[in-house]
Amino acid sequence: MRGLGRWRASAASRDPAECQRIVRKIISLADRYRVPAIYPYRFFAELGGLLSYGIDQLDNFRRAATYVDRILKGARPSELPVQVPVKFELVINLKTAKALGLTIPPLLLARADAVIE
């Protein structure tokens, strides 16, 4: 795994509370060292991260539910097509941008699915 200078990190946990604690710590370290970081999921930006760009998890859960429905109605899982994420979202946290002294270009703000102020 490559990192910035000497910084390298990896974290994993099955406990949701522990995951949230780890996420908050990562965001707090990025803020402390003034690292403008981009995260993979919306909740990172909602918890104070600068920006997130990744799959729309709610959309994926909805699509998974349709698969479960089809299987419960008798479809054979081996005959169902493989699905890939089709909806991605960009979330920008302007409060964090301001704290980092960054100006987000208007074009990027216009393309964002959500802007946290």
N, C-alpha and C. Protein backbone atom coordinates (compact mmCIF):
# COMPACT_ATOMS: atom_id res chain seq x y z
N MET A 1 0.84 -1.17 0.00
CA MET A 1 0.00 0.00 0.00
C MET A 1 0.89 1.24 0.00
N ARG A 2 0.60 2.18 -0.88
CA ARG A 2 1.39 3.41 -0.95
C ARG A 2 0.71 4.48 -0.11
N GLY A 3 1.49 5.39 0.40
CA GLY A 3 0.94 6.44 1.23
C GLY A 3 1.60 7.77 0.94
N LEU A 4 1.20 8.78 1.69
CA LEU A 4 1.83 10.10 1.59
C LEU A 4 3.05 10.09 2.49
N GLY A 5 4.21 10.18 1.90
CA GLY A 5 5.42 10.18 2.71
C GLY A 5 5.51 8.91 3.54
N ARG A 6 5.59 9.08 4.85
CA ARG A 6 5.69 7.92 5.74
C ARG A 6 4.34 7.41 6.21
N TRP A 7 3.25 8.06 5.83
CA TRP A 7 1.92 7.66 6.30
C TRP A 7 1.38 6.50 5.48
N ARG A 8 1.03 5.45 6.15
CA ARG A 8 0.40 4.29 5.54
C ARG A 8 -0.65 3.78 6.52
N ALA A 9 -1.79 3.39 5.98
CA ALA A 9 -2.84 2.95 6.90
C ALA A 9 -3.77 1.96 6.23
N SER A 10 -4.35 1.12 7.07
CA SER A 10 -5.39 0.20 6.65
C SER A 10 -6.18 -0.15 7.90
N ALA A 11 -7.49 -0.23 7.77
CA ALA A 11 -8.31 -0.56 8.93
C ALA A 11 -9.51 -1.39 8.49
N ALA A 12 -9.90 -2.32 9.33
CA ALA A 12 -11.07 -3.14 9.04
C ALA A 12 -11.73 -3.55 10.35
N SER A 13 -13.05 -3.62 10.33
CA SER A 13 -13.79 -4.05 11.50
C SER A 13 -15.17 -4.51 11.07
N ARG A 14 -15.71 -5.48 11.78
CA ARG A 14 -17.06 -5.96 11.49
C ARG A 14 -18.09 -5.24 12.35
N ASP A 15 -17.64 -4.54 13.39
CA ASP A 15 -18.53 -3.85 14.30
C ASP A 15 -18.82 -2.44 13.77
N PRO A 16 -20.10 -2.11 13.48
CA PRO A 16 -20.42 -0.79 12.92
C PRO A 16 -19.96 0.38 13.80
N ALA A 17 -20.07 0.24 15.11
CA ALA A 17 -19.63 1.31 16.01
C ALA A 17 -18.12 1.51 15.92
N GLU A 18 -17.40 0.43 15.82
CA GLU A 18 -15.94 0.51 15.68
C GLU A 18 -15.57 1.12 14.34
N CYS A 19 -16.29 0.74 13.28
CA CYS A 19 -16.04 1.32 11.95
C CYS A 19 -16.22 2.83 12.00
N GLN A 20 -17.30 3.27 12.62
CA GLN A 20 -17.55 4.71 12.69
C GLN A 20 -16.45 5.42 13.49
N ARG A 21 -15.97 4.79 14.56
CA ARG A 21 -14.88 5.38 15.34
C ARG A 21 -13.62 5.50 14.48
N ILE A 22 -13.32 4.47 13.69
CA ILE A 22 -12.14 4.49 12.83
C ILE A 22 -12.29 5.57 11.76
N VAL A 23 -13.48 5.67 11.16
CA VAL A 23 -13.73 6.69 10.13
C VAL A 23 -13.54 8.08 10.72
N ARG A 24 -14.11 8.32 11.90
CA ARG A 24 -13.96 9.63 12.56
C ARG A 24 -12.49 9.95 12.83
N LYS A 25 -11.72 8.94 13.22
CA LYS A 25 -10.29 9.13 13.50
C LYS A 25 -9.54 9.48 12.21
N ILE A 26 -9.85 8.78 11.12
CA ILE A 26 -9.20 9.06 9.83
C ILE A 26 -9.50 10.49 9.40
N ILE A 27 -10.76 10.89 9.50
CA ILE A 27 -11.16 12.25 9.11
C ILE A 27 -10.49 13.28 10.00
N SER A 28 -10.43 13.00 11.29
CA SER A 28 -9.80 13.94 12.22
C SER A 28 -8.30 14.10 11.94
N LEU A 29 -7.63 13.00 11.59
CA LEU A 29 -6.20 13.09 11.25
C LEU A 29 -6.00 13.86 9.94
N ALA A 30 -6.86 13.63 8.96
CA ALA A 30 -6.76 14.38 7.71
C ALA A 30 -6.94 15.87 7.97
N ASP A 31 -7.89 16.21 8.83
CA ASP A 31 -8.11 17.62 9.19
C ASP A 31 -6.92 18.20 9.94
N ARG A 32 -6.43 17.46 10.92
CA ARG A 32 -5.31 17.96 11.75
C ARG A 32 -4.08 18.26 10.89
N TYR A 33 -3.79 17.37 9.94
CA TYR A 33 -2.61 17.55 9.11
C TYR A 33 -2.93 18.25 7.79
N ARG A 34 -4.16 18.77 7.71
CA ARG A 34 -4.60 19.56 6.57
C ARG A 34 -4.40 18.83 5.24
N VAL A 35 -4.82 17.57 5.22
CA VAL A 35 -4.76 16.75 4.02
C VAL A 35 -6.14 16.75 3.36
N PRO A 36 -6.28 17.34 2.20
CA PRO A 36 -7.58 17.32 1.51
C PRO A 36 -7.84 15.93 0.93
N ALA A 37 -8.61 15.15 1.64
CA ALA A 37 -8.81 13.74 1.28
C ALA A 37 -10.15 13.50 0.59
N ILE A 38 -10.16 12.54 -0.31
CA ILE A 38 -11.37 12.11 -1.01
C ILE A 38 -11.68 10.70 -0.50
N TYR A 39 -12.94 10.48 -0.16
CA TYR A 39 -13.35 9.22 0.44
C TYR A 39 -14.30 8.46 -0.48
N PRO A 40 -14.47 7.14 -0.23
CA PRO A 40 -15.26 6.33 -1.15
C PRO A 40 -16.77 6.32 -0.91
N TYR A 41 -17.22 6.76 0.27
CA TYR A 41 -18.64 6.67 0.58
C TYR A 41 -19.18 7.98 1.14
N ARG A 42 -20.45 8.23 0.89
CA ARG A 42 -21.13 9.45 1.30
C ARG A 42 -20.97 9.75 2.79
N PHE A 43 -21.07 8.73 3.64
CA PHE A 43 -21.05 8.98 5.08
C PHE A 43 -19.74 9.59 5.55
N PHE A 44 -18.64 9.40 4.80
CA PHE A 44 -17.38 10.05 5.17
C PHE A 44 -17.54 11.56 5.09
N ALA A 45 -18.13 12.06 4.02
CA ALA A 45 -18.35 13.50 3.87
C ALA A 45 -19.36 13.99 4.91
N GLU A 46 -20.36 13.19 5.20
CA GLU A 46 -21.36 13.57 6.20
C GLU A 46 -20.74 13.66 7.59
N LEU A 47 -19.69 12.88 7.85
CA LEU A 47 -19.01 12.92 9.14
C LEU A 47 -17.89 13.96 9.20
N GLY A 48 -17.70 14.72 8.12
CA GLY A 48 -16.71 15.79 8.15
C GLY A 48 -15.60 15.67 7.13
N GLY A 49 -15.60 14.63 6.32
CA GLY A 49 -14.59 14.51 5.27
C GLY A 49 -14.84 15.55 4.18
N LEU A 50 -13.81 15.90 3.45
CA LEU A 50 -13.91 16.94 2.43
C LEU A 50 -14.84 16.56 1.29
N LEU A 51 -14.63 15.38 0.73
CA LEU A 51 -15.34 15.02 -0.49
C LEU A 51 -15.46 13.51 -0.57
N SER A 52 -16.58 13.04 -1.10
CA SER A 52 -16.70 11.60 -1.36
C SER A 52 -17.20 11.41 -2.77
N TYR A 53 -16.68 10.37 -3.40
CA TYR A 53 -17.15 9.98 -4.73
C TYR A 53 -17.13 8.46 -4.78
N GLY A 54 -18.28 7.89 -4.99
CA GLY A 54 -18.35 6.44 -5.05
C GLY A 54 -19.75 5.97 -5.35
N ILE A 55 -19.94 4.68 -5.21
CA ILE A 55 -21.23 4.09 -5.52
C ILE A 55 -22.30 4.62 -4.57
N ASP A 56 -23.53 4.68 -5.08
CA ASP A 56 -24.67 5.04 -4.25
C ASP A 56 -25.11 3.75 -3.56
N GLN A 57 -24.76 3.62 -2.28
CA GLN A 57 -25.03 2.37 -1.57
C GLN A 57 -26.52 2.07 -1.46
N LEU A 58 -27.35 3.09 -1.27
CA LEU A 58 -28.79 2.85 -1.18
C LEU A 58 -29.33 2.26 -2.47
N ASP A 59 -28.85 2.77 -3.59
CA ASP A 59 -29.28 2.23 -4.88
C ASP A 59 -28.87 0.77 -5.01
N ASN A 60 -27.66 0.43 -4.57
CA ASN A 60 -27.20 -0.96 -4.63
C ASN A 60 -28.05 -1.86 -3.75
N PHE A 61 -28.44 -1.37 -2.56
CA PHE A 61 -29.28 -2.17 -1.67
C PHE A 61 -30.66 -2.41 -2.31
N ARG A 62 -31.21 -1.38 -2.94
CA ARG A 62 -32.51 -1.54 -3.61
C ARG A 62 -32.42 -2.57 -4.73
N ARG A 63 -31.33 -2.48 -5.50
CA ARG A 63 -31.15 -3.43 -6.60
C ARG A 63 -30.94 -4.84 -6.08
N ALA A 64 -30.25 -4.99 -4.96
CA ALA A 64 -30.06 -6.31 -4.35
C ALA A 64 -31.41 -6.88 -3.91
N ALA A 65 -32.28 -6.01 -3.40
CA ALA A 65 -33.61 -6.47 -2.96
C ALA A 65 -34.40 -7.05 -4.13
N THR A 66 -34.24 -6.48 -5.33
CA THR A 66 -34.97 -7.03 -6.48
C THR A 66 -34.42 -8.42 -6.84
N TYR A 67 -33.12 -8.62 -6.62
CA TYR A 67 -32.54 -9.95 -6.86
C TYR A 67 -33.11 -10.95 -5.88
N VAL A 68 -33.17 -10.57 -4.61
CA VAL A 68 -33.72 -11.46 -3.59
C VAL A 68 -35.16 -11.81 -3.94
N ASP A 69 -35.93 -10.81 -4.36
CA ASP A 69 -37.32 -11.02 -4.76
C ASP A 69 -37.42 -12.03 -5.90
N ARG A 70 -36.57 -11.88 -6.89
CA ARG A 70 -36.60 -12.80 -8.03
C ARG A 70 -36.25 -14.22 -7.61
N ILE A 71 -35.27 -14.35 -6.72
CA ILE A 71 -34.86 -15.68 -6.25
C ILE A 71 -35.98 -16.32 -5.43
N LEU A 72 -36.60 -15.52 -4.56
CA LEU A 72 -37.70 -16.05 -3.74
C LEU A 72 -38.91 -16.44 -4.58
N LYS A 73 -39.02 -15.85 -5.76
CA LYS A 73 -40.12 -16.19 -6.66
C LYS A 73 -39.76 -17.35 -7.59
N GLY A 74 -38.57 -17.95 -7.38
CA GLY A 74 -38.22 -19.15 -8.12
C GLY A 74 -37.11 -19.03 -9.14
N ALA A 75 -36.59 -17.84 -9.37
CA ALA A 75 -35.50 -17.70 -10.34
C ALA A 75 -34.26 -18.43 -9.82
N ARG A 76 -33.53 -19.00 -10.73
CA ARG A 76 -32.29 -19.67 -10.35
C ARG A 76 -31.16 -18.64 -10.30
N PRO A 77 -30.48 -18.51 -9.17
CA PRO A 77 -29.41 -17.51 -9.05
C PRO A 77 -28.36 -17.61 -10.15
N SER A 78 -28.05 -18.83 -10.57
CA SER A 78 -27.02 -19.01 -11.60
C SER A 78 -27.46 -18.46 -12.96
N GLU A 79 -28.76 -18.22 -13.13
CA GLU A 79 -29.25 -17.71 -14.40
C GLU A 79 -29.48 -16.20 -14.39
N LEU A 80 -29.30 -15.57 -13.24
CA LEU A 80 -29.47 -14.12 -13.15
C LEU A 80 -28.19 -13.43 -13.63
N PRO A 81 -28.32 -12.33 -14.35
CA PRO A 81 -27.13 -11.64 -14.84
C PRO A 81 -26.35 -10.98 -13.69
N VAL A 82 -25.06 -10.88 -13.90
CA VAL A 82 -24.20 -10.20 -12.93
C VAL A 82 -24.53 -8.71 -12.97
N GLN A 83 -24.63 -8.13 -11.79
CA GLN A 83 -24.94 -6.70 -11.69
C GLN A 83 -23.69 -5.93 -11.27
N VAL A 84 -23.56 -4.73 -11.75
CA VAL A 84 -22.49 -3.83 -11.34
C VAL A 84 -23.13 -2.50 -10.93
N PRO A 85 -22.46 -1.73 -10.08
CA PRO A 85 -23.03 -0.43 -9.70
C PRO A 85 -23.25 0.44 -10.94
N VAL A 86 -24.38 1.13 -10.96
CA VAL A 86 -24.67 2.01 -12.09
C VAL A 86 -24.87 3.46 -11.66
N LYS A 87 -25.03 3.67 -10.36
CA LYS A 87 -25.26 5.02 -9.87
C LYS A 87 -24.12 5.40 -8.92
N PHE A 88 -23.47 6.51 -9.24
CA PHE A 88 -22.39 7.02 -8.41
C PHE A 88 -22.79 8.40 -7.90
N GLU A 89 -22.22 8.80 -6.76
CA GLU A 89 -22.57 10.10 -6.23
C GLU A 89 -21.34 10.86 -5.74
N LEU A 90 -21.41 12.17 -5.94
CA LEU A 90 -20.37 13.09 -5.51
C LEU A 90 -20.96 13.95 -4.40
N VAL A 91 -20.31 13.94 -3.23
CA VAL A 91 -20.76 14.72 -2.09
C VAL A 91 -19.59 15.61 -1.65
N ILE A 92 -19.86 16.91 -1.51
CA ILE A 92 -18.83 17.88 -1.13
C ILE A 92 -19.22 18.52 0.19
N ASN A 93 -18.27 18.59 1.11
CA ASN A 93 -18.48 19.22 2.41
C ASN A 93 -17.81 20.59 2.38
N LEU A 94 -18.62 21.64 2.19
CA LEU A 94 -18.07 23.00 2.10
C LEU A 94 -17.51 23.50 3.43
N LYS A 95 -18.07 23.02 4.52
CA LYS A 95 -17.58 23.42 5.84
C LYS A 95 -16.12 22.97 6.01
N THR A 96 -15.84 21.74 5.59
CA THR A 96 -14.48 21.22 5.67
C THR A 96 -13.57 21.93 4.68
N ALA A 97 -14.07 22.22 3.49
CA ALA A 97 -13.27 22.94 2.49
C ALA A 97 -12.85 24.30 3.04
N LYS A 98 -13.78 24.98 3.68
CA LYS A 98 -13.47 26.30 4.25
C LYS A 98 -12.42 26.17 5.35
N ALA A 99 -12.56 25.15 6.21
CA ALA A 99 -11.59 24.94 7.29
C ALA A 99 -10.19 24.65 6.74
N LEU A 100 -10.12 24.02 5.57
CA LEU A 100 -8.83 23.71 4.94
C LEU A 100 -8.32 24.86 4.07
N GLY A 101 -9.13 25.91 3.95
CA GLY A 101 -8.73 27.05 3.11
C GLY A 101 -8.84 26.76 1.63
N LEU A 102 -9.75 25.88 1.25
CA LEU A 102 -9.91 25.51 -0.15
C LEU A 102 -11.14 26.17 -0.75
N THR A 103 -11.05 26.50 -2.01
CA THR A 103 -12.20 27.00 -2.75
C THR A 103 -12.59 25.93 -3.76
N ILE A 104 -13.82 25.47 -3.66
CA ILE A 104 -14.30 24.44 -4.58
C ILE A 104 -14.82 25.14 -5.84
N PRO A 105 -14.34 24.76 -7.02
CA PRO A 105 -14.79 25.41 -8.26
C PRO A 105 -16.30 25.29 -8.44
N PRO A 106 -16.94 26.36 -8.93
CA PRO A 106 -18.39 26.33 -9.13
C PRO A 106 -18.88 25.18 -10.01
N LEU A 107 -18.09 24.82 -11.02
CA LEU A 107 -18.48 23.71 -11.90
C LEU A 107 -18.57 22.40 -11.13
N LEU A 108 -17.63 22.18 -10.23
CA LEU A 108 -17.64 20.96 -9.41
C LEU A 108 -18.83 20.98 -8.45
N LEU A 109 -19.12 22.14 -7.86
CA LEU A 109 -20.28 22.27 -6.98
C LEU A 109 -21.58 21.98 -7.73
N ALA A 110 -21.65 22.45 -8.97
CA ALA A 110 -22.85 22.24 -9.78
C ALA A 110 -23.06 20.76 -10.12
N ARG A 111 -21.97 20.01 -10.23
CA ARG A 111 -22.07 18.59 -10.58
C ARG A 111 -22.31 17.70 -9.38
N ALA A 112 -22.14 18.25 -8.17
CA ALA A 112 -22.29 17.45 -6.95
C ALA A 112 -23.74 17.00 -6.76
N ASP A 113 -23.90 15.79 -6.27
CA ASP A 113 -25.22 15.27 -5.94
C ASP A 113 -25.71 15.87 -4.61
N ALA A 114 -24.76 16.20 -3.74
CA ALA A 114 -25.10 16.82 -2.46
C ALA A 114 -23.95 17.73 -2.03
N VAL A 115 -24.31 18.87 -1.45
CA VAL A 115 -23.33 19.81 -0.92
C VAL A 115 -23.70 20.04 0.54
N ILE A 116 -22.75 19.76 1.42
CA ILE A 116 -22.95 19.94 2.86
C ILE A 116 -22.39 21.31 3.23
N GLU A 117 -23.24 22.15 3.81
CA GLU A 117 -22.79 23.50 4.15
C GLU A 117 -22.66 23.70 5.64
